[in-house]
Amino acid sequence: MSLTTFLQRSLASKVPAGWQSSHEVPLLSKELEKRLGFSPRADVLLKNAALDRRIWIEFEISRADPAANHLKFAVGHLFFAQPSGDAFVSMVSHHVAAGRTNLGATAVILMRRLGMQAY
C-alpha cells in the first residue's frame, strides 16, 4: 500500500460527524478536463453537505514536482471558479527537498492571489 492510499484510508476512518470522505475526486467537468488535457483530482475530498463545505486535500509525498498539482487546481479555477465553500489544503512530506517544498508553498500563495481559499 502506498503512503497516499494509507493516508486516504486513515482520514476516511476518522471523519467528524456530518462529513464524508472520498478520494481521487475529479473537480472539473469531463468536458473541461478534455479541453485542458489534464484532470486535477483531490487526493482526499472531505464534504459536509449541510454546511455546503468541501475541503480538497492534496498530499505531496513524491520528490518529483510538488507544485504541478497545485497549478492544475489553479488553472482549473481560472475556467471554473472554486466554489465559495471550498478550500484547498496542501500537505508536503518532510522528505521533499526544501526548494521543491518552497515551490509548493509559493504555489499556494499564487492560488490565493487568484481568489482561491488555499492553505
PDB file of N, CA and C in Angstrom:
ATOM      1  N   MET A   1       0.849  -1.179   0.000  1.00  0.00           N
ATOM      2  CA  MET A   1       0.000   0.000   0.000  1.00  0.00           C
ATOM      3  C   MET A   1       0.890   1.236   0.000  1.00  0.00           C
ATOM      4  N   SER A   2       0.535   2.198  -0.848  1.00  0.00           N
ATOM      5  CA  SER A   2       1.306   3.436  -0.919  1.00  0.00           C
ATOM      6  C   SER A   2       0.972   4.339   0.275  1.00  0.00           C
ATOM      7  N   LEU A   3       1.830   5.313   0.517  1.00  0.00           N
ATOM      8  CA  LEU A   3       1.586   6.261   1.607  1.00  0.00           C
ATOM      9  C   LEU A   3       0.310   7.057   1.348  1.00  0.00           C
ATOM     10  N   THR A   4       0.084   7.442   0.099  1.00  0.00           N
ATOM     11  CA  THR A   4      -1.139   8.183  -0.219  1.00  0.00           C
ATOM     12  C   THR A   4      -2.375   7.355   0.102  1.00  0.00           C
ATOM     13  N   THR A   5      -2.381   6.092  -0.301  1.00  0.00           N
ATOM     14  CA  THR A   5      -3.516   5.207  -0.016  1.00  0.00           C
ATOM     15  C   THR A   5      -3.719   5.063   1.493  1.00  0.00           C
ATOM     16  N   PHE A   6      -2.633   4.913   2.232  1.00  0.00           N
ATOM     17  CA  PHE A   6      -2.717   4.806   3.688  1.00  0.00           C
ATOM     18  C   PHE A   6      -3.346   6.068   4.282  1.00  0.00           C
ATOM     19  N   LEU A   7      -2.898   7.239   3.828  1.00  0.00           N
ATOM     20  CA  LEU A   7      -3.436   8.495   4.347  1.00  0.00           C
ATOM     21  C   LEU A   7      -4.906   8.674   3.962  1.00  0.00           C
ATOM     22  N   GLN A   8      -5.260   8.294   2.741  1.00  0.00           N
ATOM     23  CA  GLN A   8      -6.657   8.394   2.305  1.00  0.00           C
ATOM     24  C   GLN A   8      -7.546   7.523   3.192  1.00  0.00           C
ATOM     25  N   ARG A   9      -7.143   6.304   3.433  1.00  0.00           N
ATOM     26  CA  ARG A   9      -7.937   5.382   4.261  1.00  0.00           C
ATOM     27  C   ARG A   9      -7.994   5.857   5.710  1.00  0.00           C
ATOM     28  N   SER A  10      -6.876   6.355   6.209  1.00  0.00           N
ATOM     29  CA  SER A  10      -6.839   6.829   7.592  1.00  0.00           C
ATOM     30  C   SER A  10      -7.778   8.009   7.808  1.00  0.00           C
ATOM     31  N   LEU A  11      -7.752   8.963   6.891  1.00  0.00           N
ATOM     32  CA  LEU A  11      -8.651  10.112   7.011  1.00  0.00           C
ATOM     33  C   LEU A  11     -10.110   9.681   6.897  1.00  0.00           C
ATOM     34  N   ALA A  12     -10.383   8.763   5.994  1.00  0.00           N
ATOM     35  CA  ALA A  12     -11.762   8.293   5.799  1.00  0.00           C
ATOM     36  C   ALA A  12     -12.309   7.633   7.059  1.00  0.00           C
ATOM     37  N   SER A  13     -11.440   7.004   7.832  1.00  0.00           N
ATOM     38  CA  SER A  13     -11.904   6.304   9.037  1.00  0.00           C
ATOM     39  C   SER A  13     -12.103   7.237  10.223  1.00  0.00           C
ATOM     40  N   LYS A  14     -11.709   8.506  10.087  1.00  0.00           N
ATOM     41  CA  LYS A  14     -11.763   9.429  11.225  1.00  0.00           C
ATOM     42  C   LYS A  14     -12.496  10.734  10.923  1.00  0.00           C
ATOM     43  N   VAL A  15     -13.368  10.745   9.931  1.00  0.00           N
ATOM     44  CA  VAL A  15     -14.068  12.000   9.611  1.00  0.00           C
ATOM     45  C   VAL A  15     -15.068  12.345  10.708  1.00  0.00           C
ATOM     46  N   PRO A  16     -15.199  13.624  11.023  1.00  0.00           N
ATOM     47  CA  PRO A  16     -16.170  14.045  12.040  1.00  0.00           C
ATOM     48  C   PRO A  16     -17.607  13.779  11.566  1.00  0.00           C
ATOM     49  N   ALA A  17     -18.519  13.766  12.493  1.00  0.00           N
ATOM     50  CA  ALA A  17     -19.936  13.557  12.174  1.00  0.00           C
ATOM     51  C   ALA A  17     -20.393  14.605  11.167  1.00  0.00           C
ATOM     52  N   GLY A  18     -21.155  14.189  10.179  1.00  0.00           N
ATOM     53  CA  GLY A  18     -21.672  15.087   9.161  1.00  0.00           C
ATOM     54  C   GLY A  18     -20.771  15.239   7.947  1.00  0.00           C
ATOM     55  N   TRP A  19     -19.578  14.716   8.011  1.00  0.00           N
ATOM     56  CA  TRP A  19     -18.625  14.813   6.911  1.00  0.00           C
ATOM     57  C   TRP A  19     -18.498  13.472   6.201  1.00  0.00           C
ATOM     58  N   GLN A  20     -18.211  13.524   4.908  1.00  0.00           N
ATOM     59  CA  GLN A  20     -17.939  12.335   4.114  1.00  0.00           C
ATOM     60  C   GLN A  20     -16.563  12.490   3.486  1.00  0.00           C
ATOM     61  N   SER A  21     -15.889  11.366   3.307  1.00  0.00           N
ATOM     62  CA  SER A  21     -14.565  11.384   2.699  1.00  0.00           C
ATOM     63  C   SER A  21     -14.573  10.545   1.429  1.00  0.00           C
ATOM     64  N   SER A  22     -14.001  11.104   0.364  1.00  0.00           N
ATOM     65  CA  SER A  22     -13.792  10.376  -0.886  1.00  0.00           C
ATOM     66  C   SER A  22     -12.352  10.634  -1.312  1.00  0.00           C
ATOM     67  N   HIS A  23     -11.866   9.840  -2.239  1.00  0.00           N
ATOM     68  CA  HIS A  23     -10.505  10.075  -2.720  1.00  0.00           C
ATOM     69  C   HIS A  23     -10.434  10.009  -4.240  1.00  0.00           C
ATOM     70  N   GLU A  24      -9.399  10.672  -4.772  1.00  0.00           N
ATOM     71  CA  GLU A  24      -9.173  10.771  -6.218  1.00  0.00           C
ATOM     72  C   GLU A  24     -10.403  11.331  -6.928  1.00  0.00           C
ATOM     73  N   VAL A  25     -10.937  12.422  -6.394  1.00  0.00           N
ATOM     74  CA  VAL A  25     -12.176  13.017  -6.892  1.00  0.00           C
ATOM     75  C   VAL A  25     -11.854  14.088  -7.939  1.00  0.00           C
ATOM     76  N   PRO A  26     -12.407  13.941  -9.162  1.00  0.00           N
ATOM     77  CA  PRO A  26     -12.211  14.995 -10.155  1.00  0.00           C
ATOM     78  C   PRO A  26     -13.000  16.241  -9.751  1.00  0.00           C
ATOM     79  N   LEU A  27     -12.402  17.404  -9.967  1.00  0.00           N
ATOM     80  CA  LEU A  27     -13.048  18.647  -9.557  1.00  0.00           C
ATOM     81  C   LEU A  27     -13.510  19.499 -10.737  1.00  0.00           C
ATOM     82  N   LEU A  28     -13.267  19.023 -11.956  1.00  0.00           N
ATOM     83  CA  LEU A  28     -13.713  19.727 -13.153  1.00  0.00           C
ATOM     84  C   LEU A  28     -14.620  18.814 -13.973  1.00  0.00           C
ATOM     85  N   SER A  29     -15.395  19.389 -14.844  1.00  0.00           N
ATOM     86  CA  SER A  29     -16.250  18.596 -15.727  1.00  0.00           C
ATOM     87  C   SER A  29     -15.376  17.804 -16.705  1.00  0.00           C
ATOM     88  N   LYS A  30     -15.904  16.710 -17.191  1.00  0.00           N
ATOM     89  CA  LYS A  30     -15.184  15.900 -18.189  1.00  0.00           C
ATOM     90  C   LYS A  30     -14.845  16.741 -19.426  1.00  0.00           C
ATOM     91  N   GLU A  31     -15.789  17.606 -19.806  1.00  0.00           N
ATOM     92  CA  GLU A  31     -15.581  18.462 -20.980  1.00  0.00           C
ATOM     93  C   GLU A  31     -14.381  19.389 -20.776  1.00  0.00           C
ATOM     94  N   LEU A  32     -14.303  20.023 -19.602  1.00  0.00           N
ATOM     95  CA  LEU A  32     -13.184  20.930 -19.333  1.00  0.00           C
ATOM     96  C   LEU A  32     -11.878  20.152 -19.206  1.00  0.00           C
ATOM     97  N   GLU A  33     -11.912  18.978 -18.582  1.00  0.00           N
ATOM     98  CA  GLU A  33     -10.711  18.145 -18.496  1.00  0.00           C
ATOM     99  C   GLU A  33     -10.187  17.826 -19.891  1.00  0.00           C
ATOM    100  N   LYS A  34     -11.101  17.475 -20.786  1.00  0.00           N
ATOM    101  CA  LYS A  34     -10.709  17.132 -22.151  1.00  0.00           C
ATOM    102  C   LYS A  34     -10.103  18.347 -22.851  1.00  0.00           C
ATOM    103  N   ARG A  35     -10.715  19.512 -22.662  1.00  0.00           N
ATOM    104  CA  ARG A  35     -10.222  20.737 -23.288  1.00  0.00           C
ATOM    105  C   ARG A  35      -8.842  21.128 -22.763  1.00  0.00           C
ATOM    106  N   LEU A  36      -8.648  21.003 -21.452  1.00  0.00           N
ATOM    107  CA  LEU A  36      -7.369  21.386 -20.845  1.00  0.00           C
ATOM    108  C   LEU A  36      -6.289  20.326 -21.041  1.00  0.00           C
ATOM    109  N   GLY A  37      -6.707  19.058 -21.149  1.00  0.00           N
ATOM    110  CA  GLY A  37      -5.740  17.976 -21.311  1.00  0.00           C
ATOM    111  C   GLY A  37      -5.194  17.439 -20.007  1.00  0.00           C
ATOM    112  N   PHE A  38      -5.782  17.829 -18.897  1.00  0.00           N
ATOM    113  CA  PHE A  38      -5.394  17.290 -17.588  1.00  0.00           C
ATOM    114  C   PHE A  38      -6.592  17.300 -16.666  1.00  0.00           C
ATOM    115  N   SER A  39      -6.459  16.540 -15.574  1.00  0.00           N
ATOM    116  CA  SER A  39      -7.582  16.373 -14.657  1.00  0.00           C
ATOM    117  C   SER A  39      -7.131  16.539 -13.210  1.00  0.00           C
ATOM    118  N   PRO A  40      -7.337  17.725 -12.630  1.00  0.00           N
ATOM    119  CA  PRO A  40      -6.991  17.850 -11.209  1.00  0.00           C
ATOM    120  C   PRO A  40      -7.943  17.003 -10.371  1.00  0.00           C
ATOM    121  N   ARG A  41      -7.373  16.151  -9.555  1.00  0.00           N
ATOM    122  CA  ARG A  41      -8.155  15.262  -8.691  1.00  0.00           C
ATOM    123  C   ARG A  41      -7.660  15.430  -7.263  1.00  0.00           C
ATOM    124  N   ALA A  42      -8.591  15.598  -6.360  1.00  0.00           N
ATOM    125  CA  ALA A  42      -8.228  15.735  -4.948  1.00  0.00           C
ATOM    126  C   ALA A  42      -7.820  14.370  -4.411  1.00  0.00           C
ATOM    127  N   ASP A  43      -6.666  14.310  -3.748  1.00  0.00           N
ATOM    128  CA  ASP A  43      -6.271  13.049  -3.103  1.00  0.00           C
ATOM    129  C   ASP A  43      -7.347  12.635  -2.111  1.00  0.00           C
ATOM    130  N   VAL A  44      -7.850  13.607  -1.361  1.00  0.00           N
ATOM    131  CA  VAL A  44      -8.977  13.386  -0.447  1.00  0.00           C
ATOM    132  C   VAL A  44      -9.916  14.570  -0.591  1.00  0.00           C
ATOM    133  N   LEU A  45     -11.203  14.279  -0.643  1.00  0.00           N
ATOM    134  CA  LEU A  45     -12.210  15.335  -0.636  1.00  0.00           C
ATOM    135  C   LEU A  45     -13.104  15.098   0.569  1.00  0.00           C
ATOM    136  N   LEU A  46     -13.065  16.040   1.506  1.00  0.00           N
ATOM    137  CA  LEU A  46     -13.961  15.995   2.661  1.00  0.00           C
ATOM    138  C   LEU A  46     -15.152  16.885   2.332  1.00  0.00           C
ATOM    139  N   LYS A  47     -16.350  16.369   2.548  1.00  0.00           N
ATOM    140  CA  LYS A  47     -17.551  17.105   2.165  1.00  0.00           C
ATOM    141  C   LYS A  47     -18.571  17.089   3.293  1.00  0.00           C
ATOM    142  N   ASN A  48     -19.142  18.272   3.558  1.00  0.00           N
ATOM    143  CA  ASN A  48     -20.228  18.396   4.516  1.00  0.00           C
ATOM    144  C   ASN A  48     -21.369  19.099   3.780  1.00  0.00           C
ATOM    145  N   ALA A  49     -22.357  18.311   3.347  1.00  0.00           N
ATOM    146  CA  ALA A  49     -23.467  18.853   2.553  1.00  0.00           C
ATOM    147  C   ALA A  49     -24.276  19.868   3.350  1.00  0.00           C
ATOM    148  N   ALA A  50     -24.489  19.625   4.645  1.00  0.00           N
ATOM    149  CA  ALA A  50     -25.298  20.532   5.464  1.00  0.00           C
ATOM    150  C   ALA A  50     -24.657  21.917   5.568  1.00  0.00           C
ATOM    151  N   LEU A  51     -23.332  21.961   5.588  1.00  0.00           N
ATOM    152  CA  LEU A  51     -22.612  23.237   5.688  1.00  0.00           C
ATOM    153  C   LEU A  51     -22.228  23.804   4.318  1.00  0.00           C
ATOM    154  N   ASP A  52     -22.476  23.038   3.257  1.00  0.00           N
ATOM    155  CA  ASP A  52     -22.065  23.401   1.909  1.00  0.00           C
ATOM    156  C   ASP A  52     -20.570  23.693   1.874  1.00  0.00           C
ATOM    157  N   ARG A  53     -19.791  22.792   2.471  1.00  0.00           N
ATOM    158  CA  ARG A  53     -18.335  22.936   2.560  1.00  0.00           C
ATOM    159  C   ARG A  53     -17.654  21.718   1.969  1.00  0.00           C
ATOM    160  N   ARG A  54     -16.550  21.958   1.268  1.00  0.00           N
ATOM    161  CA  ARG A  54     -15.691  20.891   0.788  1.00  0.00           C
ATOM    162  C   ARG A  54     -14.243  21.295   1.045  1.00  0.00           C
ATOM    163  N   ILE A  55     -13.453  20.326   1.442  1.00  0.00           N
ATOM    164  CA  ILE A  55     -12.022  20.548   1.649  1.00  0.00           C
ATOM    165  C   ILE A  55     -11.283  19.590   0.723  1.00  0.00           C
ATOM    166  N   TRP A  56     -10.518  20.170  -0.200  1.00  0.00           N
ATOM    167  CA  TRP A  56      -9.727  19.373  -1.127  1.00  0.00           C
ATOM    168  C   TRP A  56      -8.349  19.212  -0.498  1.00  0.00           C
ATOM    169  N   ILE A  57      -7.927  17.998  -0.281  1.00  0.00           N
ATOM    170  CA  ILE A  57      -6.619  17.760   0.335  1.00  0.00           C
ATOM    171  C   ILE A  57      -5.698  17.136  -0.704  1.00  0.00           C
ATOM    172  N   GLU A  58      -4.521  17.725  -0.835  1.00  0.00           N
ATOM    173  CA  GLU A  58      -3.516  17.248  -1.777  1.00  0.00           C
ATOM    174  C   GLU A  58      -2.273  16.837  -1.007  1.00  0.00           C
ATOM    175  N   PHE A  59      -1.889  15.565  -1.128  1.00  0.00           N
ATOM    176  CA  PHE A  59      -0.666  15.057  -0.491  1.00  0.00           C
ATOM    177  C   PHE A  59       0.474  15.146  -1.489  1.00  0.00           C
ATOM    178  N   GLU A  60       1.525  15.811  -1.116  1.00  0.00           N
ATOM    179  CA  GLU A  60       2.727  15.852  -1.956  1.00  0.00           C
ATOM    180  C   GLU A  60       3.806  15.056  -1.246  1.00  0.00           C
ATOM    181  N   ILE A  61       3.913  13.802  -1.656  1.00  0.00           N
ATOM    182  CA  ILE A  61       4.867  12.922  -0.994  1.00  0.00           C
ATOM    183  C   ILE A  61       5.974  12.463  -1.931  1.00  0.00           C
ATOM    184  N   SER A  62       5.801  12.700  -3.236  1.00  0.00           N
ATOM    185  CA  SER A  62       6.853  12.299  -4.169  1.00  0.00           C
ATOM    186  C   SER A  62       7.894  13.409  -4.227  1.00  0.00           C
ATOM    187  N   ARG A  63       9.040  13.052  -4.688  1.00  0.00           N
ATOM    188  CA  ARG A  63      10.113  14.036  -4.797  1.00  0.00           C
ATOM    189  C   ARG A  63      10.099  14.736  -6.139  1.00  0.00           C
ATOM    190  N   ALA A  64       9.098  14.458  -6.945  1.00  0.00           N
ATOM    191  CA  ALA A  64       9.039  14.989  -8.308  1.00  0.00           C
ATOM    192  C   ALA A  64       8.771  16.495  -8.305  1.00  0.00           C
ATOM    193  N   ASP A  65       7.535  16.877  -8.445  1.00  0.00           N
ATOM    194  CA  ASP A  65       7.205  18.302  -8.549  1.00  0.00           C
ATOM    195  C   ASP A  65       5.973  18.608  -7.716  1.00  0.00           C
ATOM    196  N   PRO A  66       6.160  19.052  -6.477  1.00  0.00           N
ATOM    197  CA  PRO A  66       5.018  19.283  -5.604  1.00  0.00           C
ATOM    198  C   PRO A  66       4.130  20.443  -6.026  1.00  0.00           C
ATOM    199  N   ALA A  67       4.552  21.241  -6.977  1.00  0.00           N
ATOM    200  CA  ALA A  67       3.708  22.369  -7.395  1.00  0.00           C
ATOM    201  C   ALA A  67       2.843  22.031  -8.607  1.00  0.00           C
ATOM    202  N   ALA A  68       3.128  20.945  -9.296  1.00  0.00           N
ATOM    203  CA  ALA A  68       2.385  20.619 -10.525  1.00  0.00           C
ATOM    204  C   ALA A  68       0.896  20.454 -10.254  1.00  0.00           C
ATOM    205  N   ASN A  69       0.526  19.709  -9.231  1.00  0.00           N
ATOM    206  CA  ASN A  69      -0.894  19.521  -8.943  1.00  0.00           C
ATOM    207  C   ASN A  69      -1.546  20.811  -8.476  1.00  0.00           C
ATOM    208  N   HIS A  70      -0.826  21.603  -7.700  1.00  0.00           N
ATOM    209  CA  HIS A  70      -1.349  22.898  -7.268  1.00  0.00           C
ATOM    210  C   HIS A  70      -1.738  23.731  -8.489  1.00  0.00           C
ATOM    211  N   LEU A  71      -0.863  23.732  -9.482  1.00  0.00           N
ATOM    212  CA  LEU A  71      -1.115  24.547 -10.669  1.00  0.00           C
ATOM    213  C   LEU A  71      -2.282  24.005 -11.482  1.00  0.00           C
ATOM    214  N   LYS A  72      -2.486  22.695 -11.471  1.00  0.00           N
ATOM    215  CA  LYS A  72      -3.661  22.138 -12.150  1.00  0.00           C
ATOM    216  C   LYS A  72      -4.937  22.676 -11.504  1.00  0.00           C
ATOM    217  N   PHE A  73      -4.968  22.712 -10.177  1.00  0.00           N
ATOM    218  CA  PHE A  73      -6.131  23.255  -9.477  1.00  0.00           C
ATOM    219  C   PHE A  73      -6.296  24.744  -9.776  1.00  0.00           C
ATOM    220  N   ALA A  74      -5.189  25.480  -9.794  1.00  0.00           N
ATOM    221  CA  ALA A  74      -5.245  26.925 -10.050  1.00  0.00           C
ATOM    222  C   ALA A  74      -5.742  27.217 -11.464  1.00  0.00           C
ATOM    223  N   VAL A  75      -5.236  26.493 -12.449  1.00  0.00           N
ATOM    224  CA  VAL A  75      -5.686  26.698 -13.827  1.00  0.00           C
ATOM    225  C   VAL A  75      -7.155  26.305 -13.957  1.00  0.00           C
ATOM    226  N   GLY A  76      -7.551  25.223 -13.313  1.00  0.00           N
ATOM    227  CA  GLY A  76      -8.964  24.851 -13.313  1.00  0.00           C
ATOM    228  C   GLY A  76      -9.833  25.963 -12.763  1.00  0.00           C
ATOM    229  N   HIS A  77      -9.336  26.634 -11.720  1.00  0.00           N
ATOM    230  CA  HIS A  77     -10.060  27.747 -11.097  1.00  0.00           C
ATOM    231  C   HIS A  77     -10.279  28.902 -12.083  1.00  0.00           C
ATOM    232  N   LEU A  78      -9.342  29.098 -12.984  1.00  0.00           N
ATOM    233  CA  LEU A  78      -9.488  30.170 -13.980  1.00  0.00           C
ATOM    234  C   LEU A  78     -10.685  29.922 -14.897  1.00  0.00           C
ATOM    235  N   PHE A  79     -11.007  28.653 -15.148  1.00  0.00           N
ATOM    236  CA  PHE A  79     -12.101  28.297 -16.054  1.00  0.00           C
ATOM    237  C   PHE A  79     -13.402  27.991 -15.317  1.00  0.00           C
ATOM    238  N   PHE A  80     -13.284  27.497 -14.092  1.00  0.00           N
ATOM    239  CA  PHE A  80     -14.444  27.152 -13.277  1.00  0.00           C
ATOM    240  C   PHE A  80     -14.073  27.489 -11.842  1.00  0.00           C
ATOM    241  N   ALA A  81     -14.516  28.650 -11.381  1.00  0.00           N
ATOM    242  CA  ALA A  81     -14.087  29.170 -10.081  1.00  0.00           C
ATOM    243  C   ALA A  81     -14.389  28.207  -8.936  1.00  0.00           C
ATOM    244  N   GLN A  82     -13.447  28.121  -8.026  1.00  0.00           N
ATOM    245  CA  GLN A  82     -13.619  27.320  -6.824  1.00  0.00           C
ATOM    246  C   GLN A  82     -14.856  27.826  -6.087  1.00  0.00           C
ATOM    247  N   PRO A  83     -15.791  26.944  -5.760  1.00  0.00           N
ATOM    248  CA  PRO A  83     -16.973  27.392  -5.010  1.00  0.00           C
ATOM    249  C   PRO A  83     -16.577  28.043  -3.681  1.00  0.00           C
ATOM    250  N   SER A  84     -17.372  28.996  -3.233  1.00  0.00           N
ATOM    251  CA  SER A  84     -17.014  29.778  -2.037  1.00  0.00           C
ATOM    252  C   SER A  84     -16.889  28.929  -0.780  1.00  0.00           C
ATOM    253  N   GLY A  85     -17.555  27.797  -0.712  1.00  0.00           N
ATOM    254  CA  GLY A  85     -17.466  26.942   0.472  1.00  0.00           C
ATOM    255  C   GLY A  85     -16.333  25.945   0.432  1.00  0.00           C
ATOM    256  N   ASP A  86     -15.490  26.021  -0.606  1.00  0.00           N
ATOM    257  CA  ASP A  86     -14.400  25.063  -0.770  1.00  0.00           C
ATOM    258  C   ASP A  86     -13.069  25.644  -0.298  1.00  0.00           C
ATOM    259  N   ALA A  87     -12.171  24.751   0.088  1.00  0.00           N
ATOM    260  CA  ALA A  87     -10.813  25.150   0.446  1.00  0.00           C
ATOM    261  C   ALA A  87      -9.846  24.072  -0.040  1.00  0.00           C
ATOM    262  N   PHE A  88      -8.690  24.508  -0.496  1.00  0.00           N
ATOM    263  CA  PHE A  88      -7.608  23.620  -0.944  1.00  0.00           C
ATOM    264  C   PHE A  88      -6.573  23.560   0.162  1.00  0.00           C
ATOM    265  N   VAL A  89      -6.189  22.357   0.564  1.00  0.00           N
ATOM    266  CA  VAL A  89      -5.179  22.177   1.610  1.00  0.00           C
ATOM    267  C   VAL A  89      -4.064  21.302   1.050  1.00  0.00           C
ATOM    268  N   SER A  90      -2.851  21.808   1.090  1.00  0.00           N
ATOM    269  CA  SER A  90      -1.689  21.062   0.602  1.00  0.00           C
ATOM    270  C   SER A  90      -0.877  20.568   1.790  1.00  0.00           C
ATOM    271  N   MET A  91      -0.486  19.311   1.712  1.00  0.00           N
ATOM    272  CA  MET A  91       0.374  18.732   2.743  1.00  0.00           C
ATOM    273  C   MET A  91       1.609  18.167   2.048  1.00  0.00           C
ATOM    274  N   VAL A  92       2.782  18.683   2.395  1.00  0.00           N
ATOM    275  CA  VAL A  92       4.021  18.260   1.751  1.00  0.00           C
ATOM    276  C   VAL A  92       4.855  17.465   2.745  1.00  0.00           C
ATOM    277  N   SER A  93       5.303  16.303   2.323  1.00  0.00           N
ATOM    278  CA  SER A  93       6.121  15.438   3.161  1.00  0.00           C
ATOM    279  C   SER A  93       7.448  16.106   3.500  1.00  0.00           C
ATOM    280  N   HIS A  94       7.965  15.818   4.665  1.00  0.00           N
ATOM    281  CA  HIS A  94       9.222  16.425   5.119  1.00  0.00           C
ATOM    282  C   HIS A  94      10.421  15.973   4.295  1.00  0.00           C
ATOM    283  N   HIS A  95      10.317  14.855   3.575  1.00  0.00           N
ATOM    284  CA  HIS A  95      11.473  14.384   2.809  1.00  0.00           C
ATOM    285  C   HIS A  95      11.581  15.025   1.426  1.00  0.00           C
ATOM    286  N   VAL A  96      10.609  15.844   1.038  1.00  0.00           N
ATOM    287  CA  VAL A  96      10.689  16.572  -0.234  1.00  0.00           C
ATOM    288  C   VAL A  96      11.724  17.687  -0.064  1.00  0.00           C
ATOM    289  N   ALA A  97      12.590  17.832  -1.044  1.00  0.00           N
ATOM    290  CA  ALA A  97      13.671  18.826  -0.977  1.00  0.00           C
ATOM    291  C   ALA A  97      13.115  20.213  -0.676  1.00  0.00           C
ATOM    292  N   ALA A  98      13.887  20.992   0.058  1.00  0.00           N
ATOM    293  CA  ALA A  98      13.445  22.316   0.512  1.00  0.00           C
ATOM    294  C   ALA A  98      13.007  23.222  -0.639  1.00  0.00           C
ATOM    295  N   GLY A  99      13.746  23.236  -1.729  1.00  0.00           N
ATOM    296  CA  GLY A  99      13.392  24.090  -2.857  1.00  0.00           C
ATOM    297  C   GLY A  99      12.049  23.704  -3.462  1.00  0.00           C
ATOM    298  N   ARG A 100      11.794  22.415  -3.553  1.00  0.00           N
ATOM    299  CA  ARG A 100      10.518  21.946  -4.097  1.00  0.00           C
ATOM    300  C   ARG A 100       9.381  22.214  -3.104  1.00  0.00           C
ATOM    301  N   THR A 101       9.654  22.081  -1.827  1.00  0.00           N
ATOM    302  CA  THR A 101       8.657  22.410  -0.810  1.00  0.00           C
ATOM    303  C   THR A 101       8.305  23.894  -0.890  1.00  0.00           C
ATOM    304  N   ASN A 102       9.328  24.727  -1.043  1.00  0.00           N
ATOM    305  CA  ASN A 102       9.095  26.169  -1.169  1.00  0.00           C
ATOM    306  C   ASN A 102       8.283  26.491  -2.414  1.00  0.00           C
ATOM    307  N   LEU A 103       8.519  25.761  -3.501  1.00  0.00           N
ATOM    308  CA  LEU A 103       7.755  25.970  -4.725  1.00  0.00           C
ATOM    309  C   LEU A 103       6.285  25.638  -4.487  1.00  0.00           C
ATOM    310  N   GLY A 104       6.014  24.559  -3.767  1.00  0.00           N
ATOM    311  CA  GLY A 104       4.635  24.208  -3.426  1.00  0.00           C
ATOM    312  C   GLY A 104       3.982  25.280  -2.567  1.00  0.00           C
ATOM    313  N   ALA A 105       4.727  25.782  -1.584  1.00  0.00           N
ATOM    314  CA  ALA A 105       4.190  26.835  -0.710  1.00  0.00           C
ATOM    315  C   ALA A 105       3.925  28.111  -1.501  1.00  0.00           C
ATOM    316  N   THR A 106       4.797  28.439  -2.419  1.00  0.00           N
ATOM    317  CA  THR A 106       4.611  29.625  -3.244  1.00  0.00           C
ATOM    318  C   THR A 106       3.413  29.454  -4.175  1.00  0.00           C
ATOM    319  N   ALA A 107       3.188  28.224  -4.645  1.00  0.00           N
ATOM    320  CA  ALA A 107       2.015  27.957  -5.486  1.00  0.00           C
ATOM    321  C   ALA A 107       0.726  28.221  -4.703  1.00  0.00           C
ATOM    322  N   VAL A 108       0.737  27.929  -3.406  1.00  0.00           N
ATOM    323  CA  VAL A 108      -0.439  28.215  -2.570  1.00  0.00           C
ATOM    324  C   VAL A 108      -0.677  29.724  -2.513  1.00  0.00           C
ATOM    325  N   ILE A 109       0.382  30.500  -2.402  1.00  0.00           N
ATOM    326  CA  ILE A 109       0.244  31.960  -2.401  1.00  0.00           C
ATOM    327  C   ILE A 109      -0.339  32.424  -3.733  1.00  0.00           C
ATOM    328  N   LEU A 110       0.131  31.847  -4.823  1.00  0.00           N
ATOM    329  CA  LEU A 110      -0.410  32.175  -6.143  1.00  0.00           C
ATOM    330  C   LEU A 110      -1.900  31.833  -6.211  1.00  0.00           C
ATOM    331  N   MET A 111      -2.284  30.691  -5.685  1.00  0.00           N
ATOM    332  CA  MET A 111      -3.696  30.284  -5.679  1.00  0.00           C
ATOM    333  C   MET A 111      -4.538  31.315  -4.924  1.00  0.00           C
ATOM    334  N   ARG A 112      -4.018  31.802  -3.807  1.00  0.00           N
ATOM    335  CA  ARG A 112      -4.748  32.826  -3.040  1.00  0.00           C
ATOM    336  C   ARG A 112      -4.900  34.098  -3.853  1.00  0.00           C
ATOM    337  N   ARG A 113      -3.850  34.480  -4.586  1.00  0.00           N
ATOM    338  CA  ARG A 113      -3.901  35.694  -5.415  1.00  0.00           C
ATOM    339  C   ARG A 113      -4.960  35.563  -6.521  1.00  0.00           C
ATOM    340  N   LEU A 114      -5.219  34.314  -6.927  1.00  0.00           N
ATOM    341  CA  LEU A 114      -6.232  34.064  -7.945  1.00  0.00           C
ATOM    342  C   LEU A 114      -7.640  34.029  -7.348  1.00  0.00           C
ATOM    343  N   GLY A 115      -7.722  34.174  -6.018  1.00  0.00           N
ATOM    344  CA  GLY A 115      -9.024  34.211  -5.366  1.00  0.00           C
ATOM    345  C   GLY A 115      -9.459  32.891  -4.750  1.00  0.00           C
ATOM    346  N   MET A 116      -8.558  31.927  -4.689  1.00  0.00           N
ATOM    347  CA  MET A 116      -8.899  30.637  -4.087  1.00  0.00           C
ATOM    348  C   MET A 116      -8.631  30.665  -2.589  1.00  0.00           C
ATOM    349  N   GLN A 117      -9.390  29.851  -1.859  1.00  0.00           N
ATOM    350  CA  GLN A 117      -9.044  29.584  -0.472  1.00  0.00           C
ATOM    351  C   GLN A 117      -8.048  28.428  -0.513  1.00  0.00           C
ATOM    352  N   ALA A 118      -6.815  28.708  -0.194  1.00  0.00           N
ATOM    353  CA  ALA A 118      -5.758  27.701  -0.289  1.00  0.00           C
ATOM    354  C   ALA A 118      -4.847  27.807   0.918  1.00  0.00           C
ATOM    355  N   TYR A 119      -4.440  26.655   1.408  1.00  0.00           N
ATOM    356  CA  TYR A 119      -3.598  26.587   2.604  1.00  0.00           C
ATOM    357  C   TYR A 119      -2.556  25.517   2.427  1.00  0.00           C
TER     358      TYR A 119
END
